[in-house]
């Protein structure tokens, strides 16, 4: 899991690893493969994926 909004490194610098995510926060938008990004929420956590390219 990832805590995107409040992640900080031990030195206090904010982490920007979220920029590596290809579909995070893009529910309903097109994926690079031509599919559509979906979102699943469980326990207050979101999972984003494209069923066309992520089996």
PDB file of N, CA and C in Angstrom:
ATOM      1  N   UNK A   1       0.815  -1.194   0.000  1.00  0.00           N
ATOM      2  CA  UNK A   1       0.000   0.000   0.000  1.00  0.00           C
ATOM      3  C   UNK A   1       0.852   1.249   0.000  1.00  0.00           C
ATOM      4  N   UNK A   2       0.247   2.346  -0.296  1.00  0.00           N
ATOM      5  CA  UNK A   2       0.948   3.626  -0.340  1.00  0.00           C
ATOM      6  C   UNK A   2       0.114   4.695   0.330  1.00  0.00           C
ATOM      7  N   UNK A   3       0.744   5.497   1.145  1.00  0.00           N
ATOM      8  CA  UNK A   3       0.088   6.643   1.771  1.00  0.00           C
ATOM      9  C   UNK A   3       0.580   7.885   1.045  1.00  0.00           C
ATOM     10  N   UNK A   4      -0.073   8.216  -0.038  1.00  0.00           N
ATOM     11  CA  UNK A   4       0.428   9.237  -0.941  1.00  0.00           C
ATOM     12  C   UNK A   4       0.436  10.640  -0.365  1.00  0.00           C
ATOM     13  N   UNK A   5      -0.576  11.009   0.352  1.00  0.00           N
ATOM     14  CA  UNK A   5      -0.702  12.399   0.773  1.00  0.00           C
ATOM     15  C   UNK A   5       0.208  12.777   1.935  1.00  0.00           C
ATOM     16  N   UNK A   6       0.617  11.786   2.736  1.00  0.00           N
ATOM     17  CA  UNK A   6       1.397  12.131   3.923  1.00  0.00           C
ATOM     18  C   UNK A   6       2.731  11.394   4.005  1.00  0.00           C
ATOM     19  N   UNK A   7       3.189  10.828   2.928  1.00  0.00           N
ATOM     20  CA  UNK A   7       4.453  10.093   2.948  1.00  0.00           C
ATOM     21  C   UNK A   7       5.627  11.061   3.037  1.00  0.00           C
ATOM     22  N   UNK A   8       6.538  10.776   3.943  1.00  0.00           N
ATOM     23  CA  UNK A   8       7.775  11.561   4.051  1.00  0.00           C
ATOM     24  C   UNK A   8       8.928  10.610   4.327  1.00  0.00           C
ATOM     25  N   UNK A   9      10.079  10.947   3.803  1.00  0.00           N
ATOM     26  CA  UNK A   9      11.265  10.142   4.036  1.00  0.00           C
ATOM     27  C   UNK A   9      11.761  10.398   5.466  1.00  0.00           C
ATOM     28  N   UNK A  10      12.647   9.553   5.972  1.00  0.00           N
ATOM     29  CA  UNK A  10      13.152   9.754   7.343  1.00  0.00           C
ATOM     30  C   UNK A  10      13.794  11.124   7.563  1.00  0.00           C
ATOM     31  N   UNK A  11      14.340  11.729   6.499  1.00  0.00           N
ATOM     32  CA  UNK A  11      14.951  13.056   6.642  1.00  0.00           C
ATOM     33  C   UNK A  11      13.917  14.185   6.596  1.00  0.00           C
ATOM     34  N   UNK A  12      12.625  13.829   6.453  1.00  0.00           N
ATOM     35  CA  UNK A  12      11.553  14.817   6.448  1.00  0.00           C
ATOM     36  C   UNK A  12      11.146  15.297   5.074  1.00  0.00           C
ATOM     37  N   UNK A  13      11.941  14.980   4.050  1.00  0.00           N
ATOM     38  CA  UNK A  13      11.591  15.386   2.693  1.00  0.00           C
ATOM     39  C   UNK A  13      10.390  14.578   2.211  1.00  0.00           C
ATOM     40  N   UNK A  14       9.464  15.257   1.535  1.00  0.00           N
ATOM     41  CA  UNK A  14       8.278  14.572   1.027  1.00  0.00           C
ATOM     42  C   UNK A  14       8.668  13.575  -0.057  1.00  0.00           C
ATOM     43  N   UNK A  15       7.991  12.450  -0.063  1.00  0.00           N
ATOM     44  CA  UNK A  15       8.246  11.435  -1.075  1.00  0.00           C
ATOM     45  C   UNK A  15       7.397  11.668  -2.309  1.00  0.00           C
ATOM     46  N   UNK A  16       7.971  11.508  -3.464  1.00  0.00           N
ATOM     47  CA  UNK A  16       7.241  11.745  -4.699  1.00  0.00           C
ATOM     48  C   UNK A  16       7.154  10.479  -5.535  1.00  0.00           C
ATOM     49  N   UNK A  17       7.187   9.315  -4.876  1.00  0.00           N
ATOM     50  CA  UNK A  17       7.102   8.048  -5.587  1.00  0.00           C
ATOM     51  C   UNK A  17       5.771   7.873  -6.293  1.00  0.00           C
ATOM     52  N   UNK A  18       4.758   8.629  -5.912  1.00  0.00           N
ATOM     53  CA  UNK A  18       3.441   8.495  -6.539  1.00  0.00           C
ATOM     54  C   UNK A  18       3.473   8.875  -8.013  1.00  0.00           C
ATOM     55  N   UNK A  19       4.478   9.644  -8.430  1.00  0.00           N
ATOM     56  CA  UNK A  19       4.574  10.031  -9.838  1.00  0.00           C
ATOM     57  C   UNK A  19       4.880   8.840 -10.726  1.00  0.00           C
ATOM     58  N   UNK A  20       5.291   7.723 -10.124  1.00  0.00           N
ATOM     59  CA  UNK A  20       5.601   6.518 -10.883  1.00  0.00           C
ATOM     60  C   UNK A  20       4.347   5.698 -11.192  1.00  0.00           C
ATOM     61  N   UNK A  21       3.223   6.003 -10.565  1.00  0.00           N
ATOM     62  CA  UNK A  21       2.000   5.247 -10.774  1.00  0.00           C
ATOM     63  C   UNK A  21       1.352   5.645 -12.092  1.00  0.00           C
ATOM     64  N   UNK A  22       1.008   4.667 -12.911  1.00  0.00           N
ATOM     65  CA  UNK A  22       0.460   4.951 -14.240  1.00  0.00           C
ATOM     66  C   UNK A  22      -1.041   5.239 -14.215  1.00  0.00           C
ATOM     67  N   UNK A  23      -1.787   4.670 -13.255  1.00  0.00           N
ATOM     68  CA  UNK A  23      -3.243   4.832 -13.285  1.00  0.00           C
ATOM     69  C   UNK A  23      -3.836   5.380 -11.991  1.00  0.00           C
ATOM     70  N   UNK A  24      -3.030   5.638 -10.969  1.00  0.00           N
ATOM     71  CA  UNK A  24      -3.561   6.113  -9.693  1.00  0.00           C
ATOM     72  C   UNK A  24      -4.362   7.404  -9.878  1.00  0.00           C
ATOM     73  N   UNK A  25      -5.577   7.416  -9.335  1.00  0.00           N
ATOM     74  CA  UNK A  25      -6.415   8.607  -9.377  1.00  0.00           C
ATOM     75  C   UNK A  25      -7.053   8.889 -10.721  1.00  0.00           C
ATOM     76  N   UNK A  26      -7.015   7.923 -11.638  1.00  0.00           N
ATOM     77  CA  UNK A  26      -7.523   8.168 -12.990  1.00  0.00           C
ATOM     78  C   UNK A  26      -8.752   7.312 -13.309  1.00  0.00           C
ATOM     79  N   UNK A  27      -9.591   7.045 -12.332  1.00  0.00           N
ATOM     80  CA  UNK A  27     -10.799   6.239 -12.542  1.00  0.00           C
ATOM     81  C   UNK A  27     -11.633   6.789 -13.694  1.00  0.00           C
ATOM     82  N   UNK A  28     -12.023   5.911 -14.613  1.00  0.00           N
ATOM     83  CA  UNK A  28     -12.861   6.291 -15.741  1.00  0.00           C
ATOM     84  C   UNK A  28     -12.098   6.858 -16.922  1.00  0.00           C
ATOM     85  N   UNK A  29     -10.823   7.135 -16.746  1.00  0.00           N
ATOM     86  CA  UNK A  29     -10.005   7.681 -17.833  1.00  0.00           C
ATOM     87  C   UNK A  29      -9.390   6.544 -18.650  1.00  0.00           C
ATOM     88  N   UNK A  30      -8.962   6.843 -19.867  1.00  0.00           N
ATOM     89  CA  UNK A  30      -8.351   5.802 -20.682  1.00  0.00           C
ATOM     90  C   UNK A  30      -6.952   5.439 -20.185  1.00  0.00           C
ATOM     91  N   UNK A  31      -6.646   4.158 -20.272  1.00  0.00           N
ATOM     92  CA  UNK A  31      -5.305   3.655 -19.971  1.00  0.00           C
ATOM     93  C   UNK A  31      -4.477   3.785 -21.248  1.00  0.00           C
ATOM     94  N   UNK A  32      -3.190   3.693 -21.134  1.00  0.00           N
ATOM     95  CA  UNK A  32      -2.315   3.762 -22.295  1.00  0.00           C
ATOM     96  C   UNK A  32      -2.547   2.643 -23.288  1.00  0.00           C
ATOM     97  N   UNK A  33      -3.149   1.532 -22.830  1.00  0.00           N
ATOM     98  CA  UNK A  33      -3.398   0.394 -23.709  1.00  0.00           C
ATOM     99  C   UNK A  33      -4.714   0.530 -24.476  1.00  0.00           C
ATOM    100  N   UNK A  34      -5.509   1.535 -24.113  1.00  0.00           N
ATOM    101  CA  UNK A  34      -6.807   1.717 -24.763  1.00  0.00           C
ATOM    102  C   UNK A  34      -7.978   1.274 -23.895  1.00  0.00           C
ATOM    103  N   UNK A  35      -7.696   0.591 -22.780  1.00  0.00           N
ATOM    104  CA  UNK A  35      -8.744   0.184 -21.839  1.00  0.00           C
ATOM    105  C   UNK A  35      -9.164   1.365 -20.976  1.00  0.00           C
ATOM    106  N   UNK A  36     -10.007   1.086 -19.977  1.00  0.00           N
ATOM    107  CA  UNK A  36     -10.501   2.121 -19.072  1.00  0.00           C
ATOM    108  C   UNK A  36     -10.053   1.798 -17.653  1.00  0.00           C
ATOM    109  N   UNK A  37      -9.570   2.804 -16.922  1.00  0.00           N
ATOM    110  CA  UNK A  37      -9.102   2.625 -15.552  1.00  0.00           C
ATOM    111  C   UNK A  37     -10.299   2.437 -14.626  1.00  0.00           C
ATOM    112  N   UNK A  38     -10.214   1.429 -13.765  1.00  0.00           N
ATOM    113  CA  UNK A  38     -11.256   1.126 -12.786  1.00  0.00           C
ATOM    114  C   UNK A  38     -10.716   1.389 -11.388  1.00  0.00           C
ATOM    115  N   UNK A  39     -11.651   1.518 -10.421  1.00  0.00           N
ATOM    116  CA  UNK A  39     -11.284   1.740  -9.024  1.00  0.00           C
ATOM    117  C   UNK A  39     -12.073   0.785  -8.149  1.00  0.00           C
ATOM    118  N   UNK A  40     -11.385   0.217  -7.155  1.00  0.00           N
ATOM    119  CA  UNK A  40     -12.016  -0.649  -6.164  1.00  0.00           C
ATOM    120  C   UNK A  40     -11.640  -0.106  -4.789  1.00  0.00           C
ATOM    121  N   UNK A  41     -12.621   0.042  -3.892  1.00  0.00           N
ATOM    122  CA  UNK A  41     -12.363   0.553  -2.547  1.00  0.00           C
ATOM    123  C   UNK A  41     -12.708  -0.525  -1.534  1.00  0.00           C
ATOM    124  N   UNK A  42     -11.770  -0.771  -0.629  1.00  0.00           N
ATOM    125  CA  UNK A  42     -12.015  -1.724   0.464  1.00  0.00           C
ATOM    126  C   UNK A  42     -11.295  -1.212   1.702  1.00  0.00           C
ATOM    127  N   UNK A  43     -12.030  -1.122   2.791  1.00  0.00           N
ATOM    128  CA  UNK A  43     -11.436  -0.662   4.039  1.00  0.00           C
ATOM    129  C   UNK A  43     -10.869   0.746   3.949  1.00  0.00           C
ATOM    130  N   UNK A  44     -11.476   1.590   3.135  1.00  0.00           N
ATOM    131  CA  UNK A  44     -11.026   2.957   3.000  1.00  0.00           C
ATOM    132  C   UNK A  44      -9.799   3.136   2.115  1.00  0.00           C
ATOM    133  N   UNK A  45      -9.337   2.060   1.490  1.00  0.00           N
ATOM    134  CA  UNK A  45      -8.164   2.126   0.601  1.00  0.00           C
ATOM    135  C   UNK A  45      -8.618   1.898  -0.829  1.00  0.00           C
ATOM    136  N   UNK A  46      -8.056   2.631  -1.767  1.00  0.00           N
ATOM    137  CA  UNK A  46      -8.423   2.505  -3.174  1.00  0.00           C
ATOM    138  C   UNK A  46      -7.364   1.727  -3.949  1.00  0.00           C
ATOM    139  N   UNK A  47      -7.833   0.945  -4.884  1.00  0.00           N
ATOM    140  CA  UNK A  47      -6.964   0.249  -5.831  1.00  0.00           C
ATOM    141  C   UNK A  47      -7.420   0.653  -7.216  1.00  0.00           C
ATOM    142  N   UNK A  48      -6.493   1.090  -8.040  1.00  0.00           N
ATOM    143  CA  UNK A  48      -6.790   1.484  -9.422  1.00  0.00           C
ATOM    144  C   UNK A  48      -6.109   0.498 -10.353  1.00  0.00           C
ATOM    145  N   UNK A  49      -6.817   0.067 -11.413  1.00  0.00           N
ATOM    146  CA  UNK A  49      -6.246  -0.879 -12.366  1.00  0.00           C
ATOM    147  C   UNK A  49      -6.971  -0.810 -13.689  1.00  0.00           C
ATOM    148  N   UNK A  50      -6.336  -1.338 -14.716  1.00  0.00           N
ATOM    149  CA  UNK A  50      -6.944  -1.464 -16.027  1.00  0.00           C
ATOM    150  C   UNK A  50      -7.141  -2.945 -16.298  1.00  0.00           C
ATOM    151  N   UNK A  51      -8.398  -3.402 -16.390  1.00  0.00           N
ATOM    152  CA  UNK A  51      -8.633  -4.827 -16.616  1.00  0.00           C
ATOM    153  C   UNK A  51      -8.192  -5.301 -18.009  1.00  0.00           C
ATOM    154  N   UNK A  52      -7.944  -4.377 -18.924  1.00  0.00           N
ATOM    155  CA  UNK A  52      -7.512  -4.783 -20.260  1.00  0.00           C
ATOM    156  C   UNK A  52      -6.041  -5.192 -20.276  1.00  0.00           C
ATOM    157  N   UNK A  53      -5.211  -4.541 -19.467  1.00  0.00           N
ATOM    158  CA  UNK A  53      -3.773  -4.875 -19.501  1.00  0.00           C
ATOM    159  C   UNK A  53      -3.246  -5.423 -18.181  1.00  0.00           C
ATOM    160  N   UNK A  54      -4.054  -5.426 -17.116  1.00  0.00           N
ATOM    161  CA  UNK A  54      -3.647  -5.996 -15.837  1.00  0.00           C
ATOM    162  C   UNK A  54      -4.593  -7.129 -15.499  1.00  0.00           C
ATOM    163  N   UNK A  55      -4.191  -8.320 -15.812  1.00  0.00           N
ATOM    164  CA  UNK A  55      -5.051  -9.504 -15.588  1.00  0.00           C
ATOM    165  C   UNK A  55      -4.984  -9.958 -14.161  1.00  0.00           C
TER     166      UNK A  55
END
